[in-house]
N, C-alpha and C. Protein backbone atom coordinates (compact mmCIF):
# COMPACT_ATOMS: atom_id res chain seq x y z
N MET A 1 0.88 -1.38 0.19
CA MET A 1 -0.03 0.11 -0.06
C MET A 1 0.90 1.27 0.01
N VAL A 2 0.38 2.52 -0.60
CA VAL A 2 1.18 3.60 -0.73
C VAL A 2 0.87 4.67 0.36
N ASP A 3 1.95 4.87 0.86
CA ASP A 3 1.64 6.02 2.19
C ASP A 3 1.51 7.38 1.41
N SER A 4 1.15 8.25 2.67
CA SER A 4 0.89 9.71 2.13
C SER A 4 2.14 10.16 1.63
N SER A 5 2.97 10.11 2.00
CA SER A 5 4.51 10.71 1.68
C SER A 5 4.81 10.31 0.34
N MET A 6 4.47 9.15 -0.12
CA MET A 6 4.72 8.44 -1.34
C MET A 6 3.99 8.93 -2.47
N ARG A 7 2.66 9.11 -2.00
CA ARG A 7 1.26 9.87 -3.06
C ARG A 7 1.83 11.27 -3.14
N ALA A 8 2.23 11.96 -2.26
CA ALA A 8 2.68 13.52 -2.29
C ALA A 8 3.78 13.57 -3.50
N ALA A 9 4.78 12.55 -3.14
CA ALA A 9 5.79 12.59 -4.02
C ALA A 9 5.42 12.36 -5.40
N LEU A 10 4.68 11.52 -5.50
CA LEU A 10 4.37 10.88 -6.90
C LEU A 10 3.41 11.98 -7.39
N PHE A 11 2.43 12.74 -6.91
CA PHE A 11 1.70 13.67 -7.22
C PHE A 11 2.77 14.79 -7.84
N HIS A 12 3.68 15.44 -7.11
CA HIS A 12 4.72 16.50 -7.28
C HIS A 12 5.40 16.11 -8.52
N LEU A 13 5.92 14.80 -8.70
CA LEU A 13 6.52 14.44 -9.86
C LEU A 13 5.74 14.50 -11.25
N THR A 14 4.42 14.08 -11.11
CA THR A 14 3.58 13.94 -12.30
C THR A 14 3.10 15.55 -12.56
N LEU A 15 3.02 16.39 -11.49
CA LEU A 15 2.88 17.88 -11.61
C LEU A 15 3.98 18.71 -12.29
N PHE A 16 4.94 18.17 -11.95
CA PHE A 16 6.34 18.70 -12.52
C PHE A 16 6.55 18.23 -14.12
N ALA A 17 6.11 17.03 -14.52
CA ALA A 17 6.08 16.75 -15.61
C ALA A 17 5.16 17.30 -16.57
N ALA A 18 4.08 17.51 -16.10
CA ALA A 18 3.06 18.15 -16.91
C ALA A 18 3.54 19.57 -17.15
N ILE A 19 3.88 20.34 -16.07
CA ILE A 19 4.41 21.82 -16.39
C ILE A 19 5.64 21.88 -17.56
N VAL A 20 6.49 20.61 -17.24
CA VAL A 20 7.66 20.56 -18.43
C VAL A 20 7.13 20.50 -19.69
N CYS A 21 6.16 19.62 -19.94
CA CYS A 21 5.49 19.43 -21.16
C CYS A 21 4.66 20.45 -21.78
N VAL A 22 4.32 21.28 -20.95
CA VAL A 22 3.34 22.63 -21.32
C VAL A 22 4.42 23.65 -21.83
N ALA A 23 5.28 23.89 -20.87
CA ALA A 23 6.43 24.75 -21.09
C ALA A 23 7.32 24.44 -22.20
N GLU A 24 7.70 23.53 -22.53
CA GLU A 24 8.77 22.76 -23.40
C GLU A 24 8.62 24.00 -24.67
N PRO A 25 7.44 23.77 -25.46
CA PRO A 25 7.28 24.64 -26.70
C PRO A 25 7.73 26.25 -26.46
N ALA A 26 7.41 26.63 -25.48
CA ALA A 26 7.80 27.91 -24.99
C ALA A 26 9.31 27.88 -24.90
N LEU A 27 9.82 27.26 -24.30
CA LEU A 27 11.61 27.30 -23.99
C LEU A 27 12.09 27.08 -25.39
N ALA A 28 11.76 25.94 -26.19
CA ALA A 28 12.19 25.95 -27.52
C ALA A 28 12.20 27.06 -28.21
N ARG A 29 11.20 28.03 -28.20
CA ARG A 29 11.21 29.20 -29.02
C ARG A 29 12.17 30.23 -28.44
N VAL A 30 12.56 30.07 -27.22
CA VAL A 30 13.59 30.89 -26.47
C VAL A 30 15.00 30.50 -27.20
N VAL A 31 15.16 29.07 -27.23
CA VAL A 31 16.40 28.64 -27.51
C VAL A 31 16.66 28.57 -28.88
N MET A 32 15.60 28.42 -29.61
CA MET A 32 15.59 28.36 -31.31
C MET A 32 15.46 29.76 -31.97
N LYS A 33 15.30 30.83 -31.07
CA LYS A 33 15.28 32.32 -31.77
C LYS A 33 16.30 32.49 -32.41
N LYS A 34 16.03 32.95 -33.66
CA LYS A 34 17.14 33.16 -34.64
C LYS A 34 17.50 34.46 -34.57
N GLY A 35 18.99 34.92 -34.98
CA GLY A 35 19.49 36.01 -34.77
C GLY A 35 19.56 36.71 -36.29
N ALA A 36 19.54 37.77 -36.03
CA ALA A 36 20.07 38.88 -37.40
C ALA A 36 21.51 39.20 -37.24
N PHE A 37 22.16 38.96 -38.28
CA PHE A 37 23.60 38.95 -38.49
C PHE A 37 24.05 40.34 -39.44
N GLY A 38 24.87 41.05 -38.79
CA GLY A 38 25.57 42.02 -39.80
C GLY A 38 27.25 42.02 -39.86
N ALA A 39 27.38 42.81 -40.88
CA ALA A 39 29.10 42.89 -40.99
C ALA A 39 29.40 44.22 -41.79
N ILE A 40 30.37 44.65 -41.51
CA ILE A 40 31.30 45.69 -42.02
C ILE A 40 32.25 45.12 -42.76
N ALA A 41 32.64 45.41 -44.10
CA ALA A 41 34.08 45.23 -44.85
C ALA A 41 34.77 46.49 -45.16
N LEU A 42 36.26 46.37 -45.57
CA LEU A 42 36.87 47.46 -45.73
C LEU A 42 37.96 47.30 -46.45
N GLN A 43 38.42 48.19 -47.53
CA GLN A 43 39.49 47.76 -48.42
C GLN A 43 40.37 49.26 -47.85
N ARG A 44 41.36 48.85 -47.06
CA ARG A 44 42.16 49.82 -46.42
C ARG A 44 42.71 50.90 -47.06
N GLU A 45 43.52 50.56 -48.32
CA GLU A 45 44.34 51.56 -49.20
C GLU A 45 43.35 52.57 -49.68
N THR A 46 41.80 51.95 -50.13
CA THR A 46 41.40 53.04 -50.76
C THR A 46 40.06 53.64 -50.18
N GLY A 47 39.81 53.11 -48.97
CA GLY A 47 38.67 53.75 -48.08
C GLY A 47 37.35 52.95 -48.62
N GLN A 48 37.17 52.10 -49.60
CA GLN A 48 35.96 51.56 -50.02
C GLN A 48 35.47 50.66 -48.81
N PHE A 49 34.10 50.65 -48.57
CA PHE A 49 33.52 49.68 -47.67
C PHE A 49 32.26 49.57 -48.24
N GLY A 50 31.85 48.28 -47.43
CA GLY A 50 30.70 47.62 -47.77
C GLY A 50 30.02 47.31 -46.39
N TYR A 51 28.58 46.93 -46.29
CA TYR A 51 28.14 46.72 -45.09
C TYR A 51 26.78 45.59 -45.30
N ALA A 52 26.46 44.84 -44.34
CA ALA A 52 25.14 44.07 -44.43
C ALA A 52 24.15 44.26 -42.99
N ALA A 53 23.46 44.37 -43.16
CA ALA A 53 22.68 44.28 -41.87
C ALA A 53 21.27 43.17 -41.99
N ASP A 54 20.84 42.53 -40.82
CA ASP A 54 19.80 41.60 -40.92
C ASP A 54 19.82 40.26 -41.84
N SER A 55 21.15 40.05 -42.05
CA SER A 55 21.21 38.68 -42.78
C SER A 55 20.94 37.39 -41.88
N THR A 56 20.58 36.24 -42.28
CA THR A 56 20.14 35.18 -41.71
C THR A 56 21.39 34.25 -40.97
N THR A 57 22.57 34.53 -41.54
CA THR A 57 23.53 34.01 -41.04
C THR A 57 24.80 34.85 -40.92
N SER A 58 25.70 34.51 -40.11
CA SER A 58 26.85 35.42 -40.01
C SER A 58 27.74 35.21 -41.52
N ARG A 59 27.72 34.23 -42.03
CA ARG A 59 28.24 34.02 -43.52
C ARG A 59 27.81 34.91 -44.34
N ALA A 60 26.54 34.80 -44.36
CA ALA A 60 25.61 35.72 -45.39
C ALA A 60 25.87 37.16 -45.22
N ALA A 61 26.05 37.67 -44.05
CA ALA A 61 26.37 39.05 -43.49
C ALA A 61 27.85 39.59 -44.23
N LYS A 62 28.58 38.62 -43.97
CA LYS A 62 30.04 38.99 -44.37
C LYS A 62 30.08 38.77 -45.94
N ILE A 63 29.56 38.10 -46.77
CA ILE A 63 29.51 37.80 -48.01
C ILE A 63 28.91 39.04 -48.49
N GLU A 64 27.72 39.54 -48.03
CA GLU A 64 26.96 40.75 -48.67
C GLU A 64 27.83 41.94 -48.39
N ALA A 65 28.76 42.15 -47.19
CA ALA A 65 29.47 43.40 -46.93
C ALA A 65 30.70 43.23 -48.03
N LEU A 66 31.18 42.09 -48.23
CA LEU A 66 32.50 42.22 -49.30
C LEU A 66 31.88 42.17 -50.54
N ARG A 67 30.87 41.69 -50.84
CA ARG A 67 30.18 42.26 -52.23
C ARG A 67 30.10 43.64 -52.33
N GLN A 68 29.36 44.37 -51.52
CA GLN A 68 29.03 45.80 -51.58
C GLN A 68 30.44 46.49 -51.79
N CYS A 69 31.59 45.99 -50.82
CA CYS A 69 32.88 46.60 -50.98
C CYS A 69 33.36 46.57 -52.47
N ALA A 70 33.19 45.43 -52.83
CA ALA A 70 33.55 45.29 -54.51
C ALA A 70 35.13 45.79 -54.96
N GLN A 71 35.89 45.54 -53.80
CA GLN A 71 37.26 45.41 -54.08
C GLN A 71 38.12 44.27 -54.00
N PRO A 72 39.01 43.83 -54.58
CA PRO A 72 39.60 42.74 -54.25
C PRO A 72 40.34 42.60 -53.03
N ARG A 73 40.79 43.51 -52.46
CA ARG A 73 41.30 43.33 -51.02
C ARG A 73 40.66 43.81 -49.90
N CYS A 74 39.31 43.69 -50.13
CA CYS A 74 38.35 44.12 -49.11
C CYS A 74 38.45 43.06 -48.06
N GLU A 75 38.33 43.26 -46.77
CA GLU A 75 38.37 42.30 -45.65
C GLU A 75 37.18 42.82 -44.46
N VAL A 76 36.55 41.70 -44.11
CA VAL A 76 35.68 41.98 -42.91
C VAL A 76 36.28 42.35 -41.78
N VAL A 77 35.78 43.84 -41.45
CA VAL A 77 36.66 44.10 -40.19
C VAL A 77 35.78 44.48 -38.90
N ALA A 78 34.42 44.08 -39.12
CA ALA A 78 33.59 43.79 -37.96
C ALA A 78 32.25 43.04 -38.48
N SER A 79 31.83 42.09 -37.41
CA SER A 79 30.98 41.51 -37.49
C SER A 79 29.80 41.33 -36.46
N PHE A 80 28.61 41.25 -36.39
CA PHE A 80 27.73 41.46 -35.01
C PHE A 80 26.58 40.72 -35.41
N ARG A 81 25.93 40.29 -34.02
CA ARG A 81 24.62 39.62 -34.18
C ARG A 81 23.47 40.44 -33.34
N ASN A 82 22.73 40.67 -33.63
CA ASN A 82 21.53 41.50 -32.82
C ASN A 82 22.17 42.57 -32.26
N ALA A 83 22.82 43.24 -33.03
CA ALA A 83 23.85 44.41 -32.42
C ALA A 83 24.10 45.51 -33.67
N CYS A 84 24.98 46.51 -33.40
CA CYS A 84 25.35 47.34 -34.10
C CYS A 84 27.03 47.16 -34.53
N GLY A 85 27.27 47.73 -35.53
CA GLY A 85 28.90 48.02 -35.96
C GLY A 85 28.93 49.32 -36.67
N ALA A 86 30.06 49.99 -36.33
CA ALA A 86 30.57 51.28 -36.58
C ALA A 86 31.92 51.20 -37.14
N LEU A 87 32.45 52.25 -38.10
CA LEU A 87 33.71 52.26 -38.67
C LEU A 87 34.28 53.67 -38.57
N ALA A 88 35.18 53.77 -37.85
CA ALA A 88 35.73 55.43 -37.69
C ALA A 88 37.03 55.41 -38.63
N ARG A 89 37.13 56.84 -39.13
CA ARG A 89 38.21 56.78 -40.12
C ARG A 89 39.28 58.18 -39.15
N GLY A 90 40.60 57.50 -39.14
CA GLY A 90 41.16 58.61 -38.38
C GLY A 90 42.18 59.12 -39.42
N PRO A 91 43.28 59.81 -39.19
CA PRO A 91 44.19 60.39 -40.13
C PRO A 91 44.67 59.42 -40.95
N GLN A 92 45.36 58.14 -40.21
CA GLN A 92 45.87 57.41 -41.06
C GLN A 92 45.41 55.76 -41.03
N LYS A 93 44.58 55.63 -40.19
CA LYS A 93 43.77 54.32 -39.96
C LYS A 93 42.40 54.28 -39.90
N TYR A 94 41.77 53.05 -39.93
CA TYR A 94 40.28 52.79 -39.78
C TYR A 94 40.42 51.93 -38.26
N PHE A 95 38.92 52.42 -37.55
CA PHE A 95 38.82 51.74 -36.39
C PHE A 95 37.27 51.28 -36.28
N PRO A 96 37.14 49.91 -36.28
CA PRO A 96 35.79 49.29 -36.22
C PRO A 96 35.60 48.74 -34.83
N ALA A 97 34.37 48.79 -34.55
CA ALA A 97 33.87 48.53 -33.13
C ALA A 97 32.23 47.91 -33.43
N THR A 98 32.02 47.26 -32.22
CA THR A 98 30.54 46.89 -32.26
C THR A 98 30.00 47.45 -30.92
N GLY A 99 28.53 47.41 -30.85
CA GLY A 99 27.91 47.67 -29.52
C GLY A 99 26.51 47.30 -29.69
N ALA A 100 25.91 47.39 -28.64
CA ALA A 100 24.59 46.93 -28.48
C ALA A 100 23.63 47.94 -29.37
N THR A 101 23.90 49.22 -29.50
CA THR A 101 23.08 50.24 -30.11
C THR A 101 24.35 50.93 -31.04
N ARG A 102 23.55 51.77 -32.06
CA ARG A 102 24.32 52.86 -32.88
C ARG A 102 25.31 53.51 -32.18
N PRO A 103 24.74 54.25 -31.15
CA PRO A 103 25.64 55.36 -30.55
C PRO A 103 26.74 54.52 -29.69
N GLU A 104 26.63 53.51 -29.08
CA GLU A 104 27.47 52.74 -28.44
C GLU A 104 28.69 52.05 -29.52
N ALA A 105 28.43 51.64 -30.64
CA ALA A 105 29.11 51.08 -31.64
C ALA A 105 30.02 52.68 -31.99
N GLU A 106 29.51 53.61 -32.60
CA GLU A 106 30.18 54.70 -32.64
C GLU A 106 31.13 55.53 -31.59
N THR A 107 30.58 55.40 -30.73
CA THR A 107 31.26 55.88 -29.49
C THR A 107 32.60 55.11 -28.96
N LYS A 108 32.37 53.75 -29.18
CA LYS A 108 33.48 52.79 -29.28
C LYS A 108 34.64 52.90 -30.37
N ALA A 109 34.26 53.13 -31.50
CA ALA A 109 35.11 53.27 -32.64
C ALA A 109 35.76 54.49 -32.59
N LEU A 110 35.14 55.66 -32.11
CA LEU A 110 35.78 57.15 -31.95
C LEU A 110 36.79 56.88 -30.81
N ARG A 111 36.48 56.37 -29.93
CA ARG A 111 37.37 56.36 -28.94
C ARG A 111 38.70 55.54 -29.12
N LEU A 112 38.41 54.35 -30.01
CA LEU A 112 39.78 53.78 -30.45
C LEU A 112 40.31 54.50 -31.40
N CYS A 113 39.82 55.29 -31.99
CA CYS A 113 40.93 56.34 -32.88
C CYS A 113 41.49 57.18 -32.05
N ALA A 114 40.72 57.85 -31.18
CA ALA A 114 41.27 58.85 -30.14
C ALA A 114 42.26 60.04 -31.07
N ALA A 115 41.86 60.45 -32.13
CA ALA A 115 42.61 61.66 -32.70
C ALA A 115 41.11 62.73 -32.93
N LYS A 116 41.66 63.88 -32.94
CA LYS A 116 40.70 64.91 -33.14
C LYS A 116 39.91 64.99 -34.58
N GLU A 117 40.59 64.53 -35.64
CA GLU A 117 40.06 64.44 -36.82
C GLU A 117 39.18 63.20 -37.18
N CYS A 118 39.03 62.39 -36.17
CA CYS A 118 38.43 61.08 -36.39
C CYS A 118 36.78 61.35 -36.66
N GLU A 119 36.23 60.42 -37.77
CA GLU A 119 34.78 60.63 -37.87
C GLU A 119 34.13 59.22 -38.39
N VAL A 120 33.08 59.07 -37.90
CA VAL A 120 32.50 57.75 -38.34
C VAL A 120 32.03 57.71 -39.80
N VAL A 121 32.43 56.81 -40.68
CA VAL A 121 32.04 56.67 -41.91
C VAL A 121 31.04 55.57 -42.50
N VAL A 122 30.85 54.59 -41.73
CA VAL A 122 29.73 53.92 -41.87
C VAL A 122 29.32 53.19 -40.33
N TRP A 123 27.88 52.98 -40.48
CA TRP A 123 27.60 52.28 -39.44
C TRP A 123 26.30 51.25 -39.85
N ALA A 124 26.16 50.15 -39.24
CA ALA A 124 25.03 49.43 -39.59
C ALA A 124 24.47 48.67 -38.11
N CYS A 125 23.20 48.49 -38.16
CA CYS A 125 22.52 47.87 -37.08
C CYS A 125 21.38 46.49 -37.62
N THR A 126 21.27 45.64 -37.07
CA THR A 126 20.48 44.62 -37.22
C THR A 126 19.05 45.33 -36.51
N LYS A 127 18.04 44.67 -36.85
CA LYS A 127 16.48 45.15 -36.37
C LYS A 127 16.28 44.43 -35.15
């Protein structure tokens, strides 16, 4: 015969299993949530750049940024997911950065540049 403590434990286990079964689809949506990817590409000698935002994969974002850059020596200098990227130009160099928002990415890029003549030349954000 099953005593009351055993019955209570069985009840709690059954209740837990029911909650997990009901909650699993919601948990799967959180885990399976897709991201939006972005990238910035640059050809350092010419200053030509390209960017992509809201691509379904990191690879697709990088390919699009390189395609837009349209120079043989372009390279991806920033990539991001569910965020923003910015590229600052200083007197002699470029400074890429990423951040949760456009102002954060731009501030980081300008701070890396650390020269009075710095300016943001391109930025991109995912939705």
